[in-house]
C-alpha atoms as a PDB file:
ATOM      1  CA  MET A   1      -1.256  23.842 -22.368  1.00  0.00           C
ATOM      2  CA  ASN A   2       1.734  26.897 -23.133  1.00  0.00           C
ATOM      3  CA  ILE A   3       3.822  28.488 -20.852  1.00  0.00           C
ATOM      4  CA  GLU A   4       1.218  31.854 -20.490  1.00  0.00           C
ATOM      5  CA  ASP A   5      -1.681  29.120 -19.377  1.00  0.00           C
ATOM      6  CA  LEU A   6       0.604  27.427 -16.746  1.00  0.00           C
ATOM      7  CA  LYS A   7       2.038  31.073 -15.594  1.00  0.00           C
ATOM      8  CA  MET A   8      -1.955  31.863 -15.141  1.00  0.00           C
ATOM      9  CA  ASN A   9      -2.651  28.724 -13.134  1.00  0.00           C
ATOM     10  CA  THR A  10      -0.475  27.795  -9.704  1.00  0.00           C
ATOM     11  CA  ILE A  11      -0.878  24.068  -9.013  1.00  0.00           C
ATOM     12  CA  GLU A  12       0.284  22.647  -5.906  1.00  0.00           C
ATOM     13  CA  VAL A  13       0.100  19.241  -5.236  1.00  0.00           C
ATOM     14  CA  THR A  14       2.002  17.016  -2.340  1.00  0.00           C
ATOM     15  CA  LYS A  15       1.810  13.726  -2.534  1.00  0.00           C
ATOM     16  CA  SER A  16       4.128  11.294   0.989  1.00  0.00           C
ATOM     17  CA  ALA A  17       4.661   8.014   1.471  1.00  0.00           C
ATOM     18  CA  VAL A  18       3.787   7.126   4.613  1.00  0.00           C
ATOM     19  CA  ASN A  19       3.571   3.467   6.266  1.00  0.00           C
ATOM     20  CA  GLY A  20       3.361   1.691   2.787  1.00  0.00           C
ATOM     21  CA  GLN A  21       0.850   4.427   0.939  1.00  0.00           C
ATOM     22  CA  VAL A  22       1.209   7.456  -1.278  1.00  0.00           C
ATOM     23  CA  TYR A  23      -1.467  10.256   0.090  1.00  0.00           C
ATOM     24  CA  THR A  24      -1.744  13.304  -0.855  1.00  0.00           C
ATOM     25  CA  VAL A  25      -1.183  15.226   1.973  1.00  0.00           C
ATOM     26  CA  LEU A  26      -3.846  18.282   2.961  1.00  0.00           C
ATOM     27  CA  ASP A  27      -3.171  20.825   6.017  1.00  0.00           C
ATOM     28  CA  TYR A  28      -6.521  19.945   8.419  1.00  0.00           C
ATOM     29  CA  ASN A  29      -7.891  23.748   7.501  1.00  0.00           C
ATOM     30  CA  GLU A  30      -7.995  23.066   3.794  1.00  0.00           C
ATOM     31  CA  TYR A  31      -9.815  20.339   4.098  1.00  0.00           C
ATOM     32  CA  ALA A  32     -11.698  21.223   6.323  1.00  0.00           C
ATOM     33  CA  LYS A  33     -12.890  23.784   4.034  1.00  0.00           C
ATOM     34  CA  HIS A  34     -13.720  20.956   1.104  1.00  0.00           C
ATOM     35  CA  SER A  35     -13.956  18.343   3.634  1.00  0.00           C
ATOM     36  CA  GLU A  36     -17.369  16.563   1.224  1.00  0.00           C
ATOM     37  CA  ASP A  37     -15.120  16.416  -1.357  1.00  0.00           C
ATOM     38  CA  TYR A  38     -12.940  14.592   0.306  1.00  0.00           C
ATOM     39  CA  ALA A  39     -15.698  11.883   1.638  1.00  0.00           C
ATOM     40  CA  ASN A  40     -15.175   9.568  -0.624  1.00  0.00           C
ATOM     41  CA  SER A  41     -11.535   9.475  -0.863  1.00  0.00           C
ATOM     42  CA  THR A  42      -9.188   6.303  -0.233  1.00  0.00           C
ATOM     43  CA  ASP A  43      -5.256   8.522  -0.673  1.00  0.00           C
ATOM     44  CA  ILE A  44      -5.503  12.203   1.458  1.00  0.00           C
ATOM     45  CA  GLY A  45      -3.179  12.286   3.818  1.00  0.00           C
ATOM     46  CA  ILE A  46      -3.792  15.322   6.653  1.00  0.00           C
ATOM     47  CA  ARG A  47      -0.373  16.664   8.425  1.00  0.00           C
ATOM     48  CA  ALA A  48      -0.894  16.917  12.238  1.00  0.00           C
ATOM     49  CA  LYS A  49       1.849  16.924  15.037  1.00  0.00           C
ATOM     50  CA  MET A  50       3.329  14.348  17.297  1.00  0.00           C
ATOM     51  CA  GLY A  51       4.644  16.339  19.968  1.00  0.00           C
ATOM     52  CA  ASP A  52       7.846  17.448  17.756  1.00  0.00           C
ATOM     53  CA  THR A  53       7.301  15.465  15.128  1.00  0.00           C
ATOM     54  CA  ASP A  54       5.393  16.243  11.956  1.00  0.00           C
ATOM     55  CA  ILE A  55       3.438  13.457  10.596  1.00  0.00           C
ATOM     56  CA  VAL A  56       0.846  12.789   7.878  1.00  0.00           C
ATOM     57  CA  LEU A  57      -2.511  10.839   9.574  1.00  0.00           C
ATOM     58  CA  PRO A  58      -4.839   9.452   6.658  1.00  0.00           C
ATOM     59  CA  PHE A  59      -8.429  10.091   6.000  1.00  0.00           C
ATOM     60  CA  LYS A  60     -10.160   7.520   7.732  1.00  0.00           C
ATOM     61  CA  GLY A  61     -13.431   8.064   6.491  1.00  0.00           C
ATOM     62  CA  LYS A  62     -16.707   8.439   9.007  1.00  0.00           C
ATOM     63  CA  TYR A  63     -16.642   7.886  12.853  1.00  0.00           C
ATOM     64  CA  ASN A  64     -17.980   5.176  13.828  1.00  0.00           C
ATOM     65  CA  GLY A  65     -17.304   5.264  17.346  1.00  0.00           C
ATOM     66  CA  ASN A  66     -14.427   2.572  18.112  1.00  0.00           C
ATOM     67  CA  PRO A  67     -11.668   3.330  15.484  1.00  0.00           C
ATOM     68  CA  ILE A  68      -8.835   1.484  14.851  1.00  0.00           C
ATOM     69  CA  SER A  69      -6.211   2.139  12.884  1.00  0.00           C
ATOM     70  CA  PRO A  70      -4.197   5.967  13.555  1.00  0.00           C
ATOM     71  CA  GLY A  71      -5.895   8.424  10.593  1.00  0.00           C
ATOM     72  CA  VAL A  72      -8.760  11.490  10.549  1.00  0.00           C
ATOM     73  CA  TYR A  73     -12.178  10.841  10.995  1.00  0.00           C
ATOM     74  CA  ASP A  74     -15.273  12.673  10.188  1.00  0.00           C
ATOM     75  CA  ALA A  75     -17.569  12.433  12.974  1.00  0.00           C
ATOM     76  CA  GLY A  76     -19.877  15.264  11.414  1.00  0.00           C
ATOM     77  CA  ALA A  77     -19.520  18.858  13.024  1.00  0.00           C
ATOM     78  CA  VAL A  78     -15.906  17.537  14.663  1.00  0.00           C
ATOM     79  CA  ASP A  79     -13.539  15.439  13.212  1.00  0.00           C
ATOM     80  CA  PHE A  80     -11.650  13.069  15.454  1.00  0.00           C
ATOM     81  CA  PHE A  81      -7.997  12.154  15.209  1.00  0.00           C
ATOM     82  CA  LYS A  82      -6.716   8.991  16.599  1.00  0.00           C
ATOM     83  CA  TYR A  83      -2.845   9.347  17.064  1.00  0.00           C
ATOM     84  CA  PRO A  84      -0.543   6.110  16.412  1.00  0.00           C
ATOM     85  CA  ASP A  85       1.241   4.710  19.535  1.00  0.00           C
ATOM     86  CA  PRO A  86       4.430   6.510  20.414  1.00  0.00           C
ATOM     87  CA  VAL A  87       6.876   3.265  19.221  1.00  0.00           C
ATOM     88  CA  LEU A  88       4.418   2.871  15.593  1.00  0.00           C
ATOM     89  CA  LYS A  89       4.823   6.808  15.536  1.00  0.00           C
ATOM     90  CA  GLU A  90       7.568   7.048  13.220  1.00  0.00           C
ATOM     91  CA  LYS A  91       5.453   4.639  10.532  1.00  0.00           C
ATOM     92  CA  TYR A  92       3.000   7.763   9.661  1.00  0.00           C
ATOM     93  CA  VAL A  93       6.573  10.050   9.070  1.00  0.00           C
ATOM     94  CA  PRO A  94       6.689  10.557   5.138  1.00  0.00           C
ATOM     95  CA  ILE A  95       9.477   8.536   4.120  1.00  0.00           C
ATOM     96  CA  LYS A  96       9.268  10.178   0.779  1.00  0.00           C
ATOM     97  CA  THR A  97       7.768  13.363  -0.306  1.00  0.00           C
ATOM     98  CA  THR A  98       7.038  15.875  -3.795  1.00  0.00           C
ATOM     99  CA  THR A  99       5.329  19.192  -4.011  1.00  0.00           C
ATOM    100  CA  THR A 100       3.782  19.949  -7.466  1.00  0.00           C
ATOM    101  CA  SER A 101       3.386  23.898  -7.623  1.00  0.00           C
ATOM    102  CA  ASN A 102       4.229  27.083  -8.981  1.00  0.00           C
ATOM    103  CA  ILE A 103       4.739  25.552 -12.337  1.00  0.00           C
ATOM    104  CA  MET A 104       6.433  28.146 -14.866  1.00  0.00           C
ATOM    105  CA  ASN A 105       7.342  26.473 -17.391  1.00  0.00           C
ATOM    106  CA  ILE A 106       7.532  23.207 -19.063  1.00  0.00           C
ATOM    107  CA  GLN A 107      10.594  21.420 -17.838  1.00  0.00           C
ATOM    108  CA  GLU A 108       9.875  21.945 -14.424  1.00  0.00           C
ATOM    109  CA  LEU A 109       5.916  20.612 -15.421  1.00  0.00           C
ATOM    110  CA  ILE A 110       8.010  17.380 -16.557  1.00  0.00           C
ATOM    111  CA  ARG A 111      10.220  17.228 -13.125  1.00  0.00           C
ATOM    112  CA  ASN A 112       7.932  17.587 -10.842  1.00  0.00           C
ATOM    113  CA  GLY A 113       5.332  14.855 -12.781  1.00  0.00           C
ATOM    114  CA  GLU A 114       8.118  12.586 -12.797  1.00  0.00           C
ATOM    115  CA  ALA A 115       8.980  13.039  -9.007  1.00  0.00           C
ATOM    116  CA  THR A 116       5.290  12.064  -8.969  1.00  0.00           C
ATOM    117  CA  ARG A 117       5.725   9.222 -10.990  1.00  0.00           C
ATOM    118  CA  ARG A 118       8.467   7.600  -8.803  1.00  0.00           C
ATOM    119  CA  LEU A 119       6.674   8.062  -6.013  1.00  0.00           C
ATOM    120  CA  ASP A 120       3.932   6.313  -7.025  1.00  0.00           C
ATOM    121  CA  GLU A 121       5.531   3.400  -7.867  1.00  0.00           C
ATOM    122  CA  PRO A 122       4.472   0.602  -6.028  1.00  0.00           C
ATOM    123  CA  PHE A 123       7.919   0.169  -3.890  1.00  0.00           C
ATOM    124  CA  ILE A 124       9.476   2.543  -1.929  1.00  0.00           C
ATOM    125  CA  THR A 125      12.805   2.539  -0.400  1.00  0.00           C
ATOM    126  CA  THR A 126      14.051   3.795   2.742  1.00  0.00           C
ATOM    127  CA  PRO A 127      17.116   5.895   3.093  1.00  0.00           C
ATOM    128  CA  ASP A 128      18.000   2.599   4.838  1.00  0.00           C
ATOM    129  CA  ASN A 129      17.761   0.558   1.496  1.00  0.00           C
ATOM    130  CA  ILE A 130      14.483  -0.931   3.437  1.00  0.00           C
ATOM    131  CA  THR A 131      11.620  -2.013   0.604  1.00  0.00           C
ATOM    132  CA  ASN A 132       7.984  -1.183   1.623  1.00  0.00           C
ATOM    133  CA  ILE A 133       5.446  -2.157  -0.040  1.00  0.00           C
ATOM    134  CA  PRO A 134       2.016  -0.227  -0.543  1.00  0.00           C
ATOM    135  CA  ILE A 135      -0.872  -1.708   0.569  1.00  0.00           C
ATOM    136  CA  HIS A 136      -4.250  -0.674  -1.168  1.00  0.00           C
ATOM    137  CA  PRO A 137      -7.211   0.065  -0.022  1.00  0.00           C
ATOM    138  CA  ASN A 138      -8.647  -2.327  -2.785  1.00  0.00           C
ATOM    139  CA  ASP A 139      -6.192  -4.881  -1.681  1.00  0.00           C
ATOM    140  CA  GLN A 140      -7.769  -8.816  -1.139  1.00  0.00           C
ATOM    141  CA  PRO A 141      -7.060 -10.279   1.977  1.00  0.00           C
ATOM    142  CA  GLU A 142      -4.322 -12.800   0.664  1.00  0.00           C
ATOM    143  CA  MET A 143      -2.401 -10.022  -1.225  1.00  0.00           C
ATOM    144  CA  LYS A 144      -2.547  -7.325   1.891  1.00  0.00           C
ATOM    145  CA  CYS A 145      -1.279 -10.317   4.034  1.00  0.00           C
ATOM    146  CA  LEU A 146       1.468 -10.813   1.718  1.00  0.00           C
ATOM    147  CA  LYS A 147       2.440  -7.470   1.577  1.00  0.00           C
ATOM    148  CA  MET A 148       2.870  -7.005   5.668  1.00  0.00           C
ATOM    149  CA  ALA A 149       4.670  -9.816   5.720  1.00  0.00           C
ATOM    150  CA  LEU A 150       7.109  -9.112   3.161  1.00  0.00           C
ATOM    151  CA  ASN A 151       7.083  -5.545   4.700  1.00  0.00           C
ATOM    152  CA  ALA A 152       7.748  -6.872   8.314  1.00  0.00           C
ATOM    153  CA  LYS A 153      10.417  -8.232   6.914  1.00  0.00           C
ATOM    154  CA  ASN A 154      12.455  -5.153   6.934  1.00  0.00           C
ATOM    155  CA  ILE A 155      14.177  -6.573   3.953  1.00  0.00           C
ATOM    156  CA  ASP A 156      15.842  -4.680   0.634  1.00  0.00           C
ATOM    157  CA  PHE A 157      13.716  -6.434  -1.436  1.00  0.00           C
ATOM    158  CA  ASP A 158      15.915  -6.347  -4.686  1.00  0.00           C
ATOM    159  CA  LYS A 159      18.741  -8.510  -2.593  1.00  0.00           C
ATOM    160  CA  TYR A 160      16.351 -11.150  -3.116  1.00  0.00           C
ATOM    161  CA  SER A 161      16.292 -11.485  -7.086  1.00  0.00           C
ATOM    162  CA  GLY A 162      18.550 -14.622  -7.265  1.00  0.00           C
ATOM    163  CA  ARG A 163      16.602 -16.470  -5.936  1.00  0.00           C
ATOM    164  CA  PHE A 164      13.782 -15.087  -7.558  1.00  0.00           C
ATOM    165  CA  GLY A 165      15.885 -16.517 -11.150  1.00  0.00           C
ATOM    166  CA  ASP A 166      15.032 -14.470 -14.309  1.00  0.00           C
ATOM    167  CA  ASN A 167      11.748 -14.401 -13.975  1.00  0.00           C
ATOM    168  CA  PHE A 168      12.011 -11.486 -10.961  1.00  0.00           C
ATOM    169  CA  PRO A 169      10.739  -8.607 -12.601  1.00  0.00           C
ATOM    170  CA  ASN A 170       7.619 -10.398 -13.464  1.00  0.00           C
ATOM    171  CA  ASP A 171       7.286 -12.198  -9.958  1.00  0.00           C
ATOM    172  CA  LYS A 172       7.633  -7.901  -8.566  1.00  0.00           C
ATOM    173  CA  ARG A 173       5.055  -7.150 -10.625  1.00  0.00           C
ATOM    174  CA  GLN A 174       2.608  -9.098  -9.154  1.00  0.00           C
ATOM    175  CA  LEU A 175       2.843  -6.924  -6.472  1.00  0.00           C
ATOM    176  CA  LYS A 176       0.654  -4.216  -7.985  1.00  0.00           C
ATOM    177  CA  ASN A 177      -2.307  -6.588  -8.459  1.00  0.00           C
ATOM    178  CA  HIS A 178      -5.444  -6.328  -5.571  1.00  0.00           C
ATOM    179  CA  GLY A 179      -4.975 -10.558  -5.358  1.00  0.00           C
ATOM    180  CA  ALA A 180      -2.879 -13.542  -5.495  1.00  0.00           C
ATOM    181  CA  THR A 181      -3.055 -16.659  -6.126  1.00  0.00           C
ATOM    182  CA  LEU A 182      -2.085 -19.389  -3.884  1.00  0.00           C
ATOM    183  CA  ASN A 183       1.097 -20.297  -6.444  1.00  0.00           C
ATOM    184  CA  ILE A 184       2.028 -16.396  -6.167  1.00  0.00           C
ATOM    185  CA  ILE A 185       1.777 -16.777  -2.540  1.00  0.00           C
ATOM    186  CA  LYS A 186       3.979 -19.887  -2.385  1.00  0.00           C
ATOM    187  CA  ARG A 187       6.480 -18.394  -4.823  1.00  0.00           C
ATOM    188  CA  PHE A 188       7.421 -15.324  -2.872  1.00  0.00           C
ATOM    189  CA  CYS A 189       6.980 -17.707   1.128  1.00  0.00           C
ATOM    190  CA  GLU A 190       9.092 -20.605  -0.259  1.00  0.00           C
ATOM    191  CA  ASN A 191      11.750 -17.467  -1.862  1.00  0.00           C
ATOM    192  CA  CYS A 192      11.434 -14.940   0.985  1.00  0.00           C
ATOM    193  CA  ASP A 193      12.050 -17.974   4.025  1.00  0.00           C
ATOM    194  CA  MET A 194       8.119 -17.992   5.283  1.00  0.00           C
ATOM    195  CA  GLU A 195       5.958 -20.450   5.437  1.00  0.00           C
ATOM    196  CA  ALA A 196       2.085 -20.485   4.242  1.00  0.00           C
ATOM    197  CA  LEU A 197      -0.131 -22.570   6.787  1.00  0.00           C
ATOM    198  CA  LEU A 198      -4.215 -23.112   4.578  1.00  0.00           C
ATOM    199  CA  ILE A 199      -6.533 -24.143   7.641  1.00  0.00           C
ATOM    200  CA  LEU A 200      -9.572 -24.772   6.753  1.00  0.00           C
ATOM    201  CA  ARG A 201     -12.747 -25.250   9.204  1.00  0.00           C
ATOM    202  CA  ASP A 202     -16.104 -24.738  10.009  1.00  0.00           C
ATOM    203  CA  SER A 203     -17.179 -21.163   8.938  1.00  0.00           C
ATOM    204  CA  SER A 204     -19.463 -21.542  12.257  1.00  0.00           C
ATOM    205  CA  PRO A 205     -20.399 -23.811  15.088  1.00  0.00           C
ATOM    206  CA  ASP A 206     -23.955 -24.379  13.633  1.00  0.00           C
ATOM    207  CA  VAL A 207     -23.375 -25.240  10.187  1.00  0.00           C
ATOM    208  CA  PRO A 208     -24.750 -27.967   8.367  1.00  0.00           C
ATOM    209  CA  ASN A 209     -22.866 -31.496   7.967  1.00  0.00           C
ATOM    210  CA  PRO A 210     -20.003 -29.665  10.385  1.00  0.00           C
ATOM    211  CA  MET A 211     -16.344 -30.824  10.061  1.00  0.00           C
ATOM    212  CA  LYS A 212     -16.074 -30.933  13.815  1.00  0.00           C
ATOM    213  CA  THR A 213     -12.523 -30.930  12.956  1.00  0.00           C
ATOM    214  CA  GLU A 214      -9.987 -27.926  11.865  1.00  0.00           C
ATOM    215  CA  ILE A 215      -7.066 -29.005   8.531  1.00  0.00           C
ATOM    216  CA  THR A 216      -4.026 -27.194   8.698  1.00  0.00           C
ATOM    217  CA  VAL A 217      -1.128 -27.941   5.663  1.00  0.00           C
ATOM    218  CA  SER A 218       1.766 -26.283   4.860  1.00  0.00           C
ATOM    219  CA  LEU A 219       1.947 -24.484   1.242  1.00  0.00           C
ATOM    220  CA  THR A 220       5.224 -24.688   1.506  1.00  0.00           C
ATOM    221  CA  LYS A 221       6.978 -27.635   2.956  1.00  0.00           C
ATOM    222  CA  ASP A 222       7.188 -30.599   0.631  1.00  0.00           C
ATOM    223  CA  THR A 223       4.801 -29.624  -1.876  1.00  0.00           C
ATOM    224  CA  VAL A 224       5.302 -30.303  -5.605  1.00  0.00           C
ATOM    225  CA  PRO A 225       7.932 -27.144  -7.031  1.00  0.00           C
ATOM    226  CA  VAL A 226       5.743 -24.269  -7.871  1.00  0.00           C
ATOM    227  CA  GLU A 227       7.400 -24.091 -11.632  1.00  0.00           C
ATOM    228  CA  ASP A 228       6.112 -26.792 -12.320  1.00  0.00           C
ATOM    229  CA  ILE A 229       2.266 -25.890 -11.646  1.00  0.00           C
ATOM    230  CA  PRO A 230       1.728 -22.315 -13.701  1.00  0.00           C
ATOM    231  CA  ASP A 231      -1.445 -19.983 -12.649  1.00  0.00           C
ATOM    232  CA  THR A 232      -2.222 -19.659 -16.160  1.00  0.00           C
ATOM    233  CA  GLU A 233      -0.276 -20.248 -19.587  1.00  0.00           C
ATOM    234  CA  ASP A 234       2.861 -17.674 -18.545  1.00  0.00           C
ATOM    235  CA  GLY A 235       2.765 -18.866 -14.952  1.00  0.00           C
ATOM    236  CA  TYR A 236       1.424 -15.370 -13.948  1.00  0.00           C
ATOM    237  CA  ASP A 237      -1.635 -13.815 -12.555  1.00  0.00           C
ATOM    238  CA  THR A 238      -2.505 -10.931 -14.948  1.00  0.00           C
ATOM    239  CA  ASP A 239      -6.695 -10.882 -14.689  1.00  0.00           C
ATOM    240  CA  ASP A 240      -6.482  -7.711 -12.253  1.00  0.00           C
ATOM    241  CA  TYR A 241      -3.361  -6.252 -13.279  1.00  0.00           C
ATOM    242  CA  ASN A 242      -3.894  -2.574 -14.219  1.00  0.00           C
ATOM    243  CA  GLU A 243      -0.366  -0.928 -15.358  1.00  0.00           C
ATOM    244  CA  SER A 244      -2.493   2.123 -14.080  1.00  0.00           C
ATOM    245  CA  GLU A 245      -2.834   1.547 -10.281  1.00  0.00           C
ATOM    246  CA  TYR A 246       0.379   3.215  -8.957  1.00  0.00           C
END
């Protein structure tokens, strides 16, 4: 694409980091005009007002009559807006926003592209140096739980690097995966002052050969050091790691 081509094309893409995820943000009117195009999207956010505060509500898909999470739901002829509880409102105020628009030259294109790339990194740091790890829609329950726990600590994760040692960059990269092995969960819990429990019980009262009991063990207390039990040859789970996820 040359500069003349760029002058003929106005590009406007706004991305915002909200509640641990990065969304492509749209005004509601723009979304409504093309709602069918976004029916299966998982990264669309809608600008909204909550009192005098500008927030972004995630597009949640079809309205099912019992929405739990704040967001915008497709209810057919109308759309349903579920706003967050006032005490959680700040979670839906954009932490970072970058807009690519009216690209007129290559330098500006590169600048805006770099800003968007940084916004899409797996870790988002607030002005108070609190690390917020985005939760992806495809995250498995164990990874979602780990990310939610780390976010709940409200810490600057990089300050824990000394506990992880020289492998900290590789450990950190594991949070870009959608799943986590027990060893990864144990490593993060042990280094971030959390206890992980494993609970085994009957899946329902009428299963054949029921245990009729609940077995709970701690994965992080009085166990063999994680370093002695590698997940793979190099100690990391890389099967579902995708460098382009974020």
